[in-house]
């Protein structure tokens, strides 16, 4: 074992091989740009849904009641009526609701997920 400059032994002696610099591949932002463009309309839809909850207590009460009764079709219909262009995949549980907004054409390009709580467990 050899000692380092602090007088402590090295656990492993220095390798005779030096680190080899491997350059990163060149970047191509095309997919990132397309994902961002697709996300813009999804964000507008997410904002419509969130604004509807924030501005309408009666809407929020009706949606929560429908979710509590497991009326999925009613919940989705209510979300559709907020004026969204892309209806999100919607799941709910006793403690809240989750929306997964993604383009129906290019599903793998991007997702906007909004998760809202309505009960503390």
C-alpha atoms as a PDB file:
ATOM      1  CA  UNK A   1       0.000   0.000   0.000  1.00  0.00           C
ATOM      2  CA  UNK A   2       1.160   3.485  -0.754  1.00  0.00           C
ATOM      3  CA  UNK A   3       0.451   6.573   1.307  1.00  0.00           C
ATOM      4  CA  UNK A   4      -1.347   9.667   0.102  1.00  0.00           C
ATOM      5  CA  UNK A   5      -0.302  13.215   0.950  1.00  0.00           C
ATOM      6  CA  UNK A   6      -2.152  13.036   4.303  1.00  0.00           C
ATOM      7  CA  UNK A   7      -0.096  10.066   5.423  1.00  0.00           C
ATOM      8  CA  UNK A   8      -3.044   7.684   5.172  1.00  0.00           C
ATOM      9  CA  UNK A   9      -2.680   4.559   3.083  1.00  0.00           C
ATOM     10  CA  UNK A  10      -4.512   4.298  -0.242  1.00  0.00           C
ATOM     11  CA  UNK A  11      -6.957   1.444  -0.358  1.00  0.00           C
ATOM     12  CA  UNK A  12      -6.135   0.963  -4.002  1.00  0.00           C
ATOM     13  CA  UNK A  13      -2.944   1.941  -5.730  1.00  0.00           C
ATOM     14  CA  UNK A  14      -3.273   4.408  -8.565  1.00  0.00           C
ATOM     15  CA  UNK A  15      -4.112   2.815 -11.843  1.00  0.00           C
ATOM     16  CA  UNK A  16      -1.578   3.048 -14.620  1.00  0.00           C
ATOM     17  CA  UNK A  17      -4.445   3.866 -16.971  1.00  0.00           C
ATOM     18  CA  UNK A  18      -5.645   7.406 -17.296  1.00  0.00           C
ATOM     19  CA  UNK A  19      -9.305   8.207 -17.687  1.00  0.00           C
ATOM     20  CA  UNK A  20     -10.169   8.362 -21.337  1.00  0.00           C
ATOM     21  CA  UNK A  21     -12.290  11.333 -22.352  1.00  0.00           C
ATOM     22  CA  UNK A  22     -15.318  10.202 -24.289  1.00  0.00           C
ATOM     23  CA  UNK A  23     -17.142  13.026 -26.011  1.00  0.00           C
ATOM     24  CA  UNK A  24     -20.895  13.184 -25.754  1.00  0.00           C
ATOM     25  CA  UNK A  25     -22.809  12.676 -28.976  1.00  0.00           C
ATOM     26  CA  UNK A  26     -23.900  15.837 -30.731  1.00  0.00           C
ATOM     27  CA  UNK A  27     -27.263  17.136 -29.585  1.00  0.00           C
ATOM     28  CA  UNK A  28     -30.376  17.296 -31.705  1.00  0.00           C
ATOM     29  CA  UNK A  29     -33.171  19.258 -29.994  1.00  0.00           C
ATOM     30  CA  UNK A  30     -35.868  18.417 -32.579  1.00  0.00           C
ATOM     31  CA  UNK A  31     -37.757  15.973 -30.354  1.00  0.00           C
ATOM     32  CA  UNK A  32     -37.431  18.248 -27.321  1.00  0.00           C
ATOM     33  CA  UNK A  33     -38.821  21.175 -29.315  1.00  0.00           C
ATOM     34  CA  UNK A  34     -41.717  19.076 -30.644  1.00  0.00           C
ATOM     35  CA  UNK A  35     -42.475  17.788 -27.131  1.00  0.00           C
ATOM     36  CA  UNK A  36     -42.482  21.346 -25.806  1.00  0.00           C
ATOM     37  CA  UNK A  37     -44.842  22.472 -28.568  1.00  0.00           C
ATOM     38  CA  UNK A  38     -47.211  19.580 -27.865  1.00  0.00           C
ATOM     39  CA  UNK A  39     -47.032  20.338 -24.151  1.00  0.00           C
ATOM     40  CA  UNK A  40     -48.195  23.926 -24.659  1.00  0.00           C
ATOM     41  CA  UNK A  41     -51.711  22.865 -25.634  1.00  0.00           C
ATOM     42  CA  UNK A  42     -51.761  20.253 -22.872  1.00  0.00           C
ATOM     43  CA  UNK A  43     -50.848  22.925 -20.337  1.00  0.00           C
ATOM     44  CA  UNK A  44     -53.739  25.073 -21.537  1.00  0.00           C
ATOM     45  CA  UNK A  45     -56.106  22.129 -21.063  1.00  0.00           C
ATOM     46  CA  UNK A  46     -54.706  21.418 -17.594  1.00  0.00           C
ATOM     47  CA  UNK A  47     -55.174  25.080 -16.735  1.00  0.00           C
ATOM     48  CA  UNK A  48     -58.828  24.972 -17.860  1.00  0.00           C
ATOM     49  CA  UNK A  49     -59.544  22.047 -15.557  1.00  0.00           C
ATOM     50  CA  UNK A  50     -57.705  23.525 -12.584  1.00  0.00           C
ATOM     51  CA  UNK A  51     -59.355  26.927 -13.096  1.00  0.00           C
ATOM     52  CA  UNK A  52     -62.779  25.296 -13.193  1.00  0.00           C
ATOM     53  CA  UNK A  53     -62.149  23.667  -9.814  1.00  0.00           C
ATOM     54  CA  UNK A  54     -60.720  26.875  -8.372  1.00  0.00           C
ATOM     55  CA  UNK A  55     -63.581  29.071  -9.592  1.00  0.00           C
ATOM     56  CA  UNK A  56     -66.619  26.818  -9.167  1.00  0.00           C
ATOM     57  CA  UNK A  57     -67.517  25.273  -5.846  1.00  0.00           C
ATOM     58  CA  UNK A  58     -70.702  23.694  -7.308  1.00  0.00           C
ATOM     59  CA  UNK A  59     -68.679  22.032 -10.095  1.00  0.00           C
ATOM     60  CA  UNK A  60     -66.148  20.738  -7.566  1.00  0.00           C
ATOM     61  CA  UNK A  61     -68.906  19.360  -5.333  1.00  0.00           C
ATOM     62  CA  UNK A  62     -70.659  17.614  -8.245  1.00  0.00           C
ATOM     63  CA  UNK A  63     -67.419  16.085  -9.487  1.00  0.00           C
ATOM     64  CA  UNK A  64     -66.418  14.862  -6.033  1.00  0.00           C
ATOM     65  CA  UNK A  65     -69.865  13.344  -5.494  1.00  0.00           C
ATOM     66  CA  UNK A  66     -69.697  11.555  -8.855  1.00  0.00           C
ATOM     67  CA  UNK A  67     -66.214  10.252  -8.058  1.00  0.00           C
ATOM     68  CA  UNK A  68     -67.329   9.089  -4.615  1.00  0.00           C
ATOM     69  CA  UNK A  69     -70.103   7.093  -6.302  1.00  0.00           C
ATOM     70  CA  UNK A  70     -67.577   5.673  -8.827  1.00  0.00           C
ATOM     71  CA  UNK A  71     -69.384   7.340 -11.729  1.00  0.00           C
ATOM     72  CA  UNK A  72     -66.327   7.477 -13.970  1.00  0.00           C
ATOM     73  CA  UNK A  73     -68.285   8.349 -17.116  1.00  0.00           C
ATOM     74  CA  UNK A  74     -69.889  11.315 -15.339  1.00  0.00           C
ATOM     75  CA  UNK A  75     -66.501  12.556 -14.087  1.00  0.00           C
ATOM     76  CA  UNK A  76     -64.982  12.312 -17.572  1.00  0.00           C
ATOM     77  CA  UNK A  77     -67.989  14.034 -19.112  1.00  0.00           C
ATOM     78  CA  UNK A  78     -67.692  16.878 -16.613  1.00  0.00           C
ATOM     79  CA  UNK A  79     -63.995  17.285 -17.452  1.00  0.00           C
ATOM     80  CA  UNK A  80     -64.807  17.247 -21.177  1.00  0.00           C
ATOM     81  CA  UNK A  81     -67.351  20.049 -20.623  1.00  0.00           C
ATOM     82  CA  UNK A  82     -64.641  22.326 -19.191  1.00  0.00           C
ATOM     83  CA  UNK A  83     -63.635  22.967 -22.801  1.00  0.00           C
ATOM     84  CA  UNK A  84     -60.479  20.882 -22.986  1.00  0.00           C
ATOM     85  CA  UNK A  85     -59.274  19.849 -26.429  1.00  0.00           C
ATOM     86  CA  UNK A  86     -57.571  16.749 -25.047  1.00  0.00           C
ATOM     87  CA  UNK A  87     -59.531  14.785 -22.458  1.00  0.00           C
ATOM     88  CA  UNK A  88     -57.046  13.469 -19.882  1.00  0.00           C
ATOM     89  CA  UNK A  89     -56.849   9.961 -18.525  1.00  0.00           C
ATOM     90  CA  UNK A  90     -58.543  10.435 -15.182  1.00  0.00           C
ATOM     91  CA  UNK A  91     -58.233   8.384 -12.018  1.00  0.00           C
ATOM     92  CA  UNK A  92     -59.573   9.156  -8.584  1.00  0.00           C
ATOM     93  CA  UNK A  93     -59.416   7.743  -5.098  1.00  0.00           C
ATOM     94  CA  UNK A  94     -60.915   8.677  -1.756  1.00  0.00           C
ATOM     95  CA  UNK A  95     -58.200  11.303  -1.252  1.00  0.00           C
ATOM     96  CA  UNK A  96     -58.091  13.039  -4.639  1.00  0.00           C
ATOM     97  CA  UNK A  97     -58.068  13.015  -8.418  1.00  0.00           C
ATOM     98  CA  UNK A  98     -55.298  12.669 -11.006  1.00  0.00           C
ATOM     99  CA  UNK A  99     -55.286  13.838 -14.611  1.00  0.00           C
ATOM    100  CA  UNK A 100     -52.773  12.614 -17.163  1.00  0.00           C
ATOM    101  CA  UNK A 101     -52.840  14.880 -20.186  1.00  0.00           C
ATOM    102  CA  UNK A 102     -51.028  13.480 -23.217  1.00  0.00           C
ATOM    103  CA  UNK A 103     -51.503  13.915 -26.949  1.00  0.00           C
ATOM    104  CA  UNK A 104     -53.606  11.172 -28.466  1.00  0.00           C
ATOM    105  CA  UNK A 105     -51.435  11.012 -31.596  1.00  0.00           C
ATOM    106  CA  UNK A 106     -47.896  10.950 -30.147  1.00  0.00           C
ATOM    107  CA  UNK A 107     -48.507   9.483 -26.717  1.00  0.00           C
ATOM    108  CA  UNK A 108     -44.826   9.066 -25.868  1.00  0.00           C
ATOM    109  CA  UNK A 109     -43.725  12.628 -26.563  1.00  0.00           C
ATOM    110  CA  UNK A 110     -44.910  14.264 -23.360  1.00  0.00           C
ATOM    111  CA  UNK A 111     -47.273  14.153 -20.381  1.00  0.00           C
ATOM    112  CA  UNK A 112     -48.698  16.780 -18.096  1.00  0.00           C
ATOM    113  CA  UNK A 113     -49.833  15.195 -14.849  1.00  0.00           C
ATOM    114  CA  UNK A 114     -52.023  17.123 -12.429  1.00  0.00           C
ATOM    115  CA  UNK A 115     -52.810  15.584  -9.088  1.00  0.00           C
ATOM    116  CA  UNK A 116     -55.300  17.344  -6.816  1.00  0.00           C
ATOM    117  CA  UNK A 117     -56.124  16.408  -3.251  1.00  0.00           C
ATOM    118  CA  UNK A 118     -59.521  16.636  -1.633  1.00  0.00           C
ATOM    119  CA  UNK A 119     -59.092  14.645   1.576  1.00  0.00           C
ATOM    120  CA  UNK A 120     -56.195  14.053   3.971  1.00  0.00           C
ATOM    121  CA  UNK A 121     -55.696  10.453   4.967  1.00  0.00           C
END
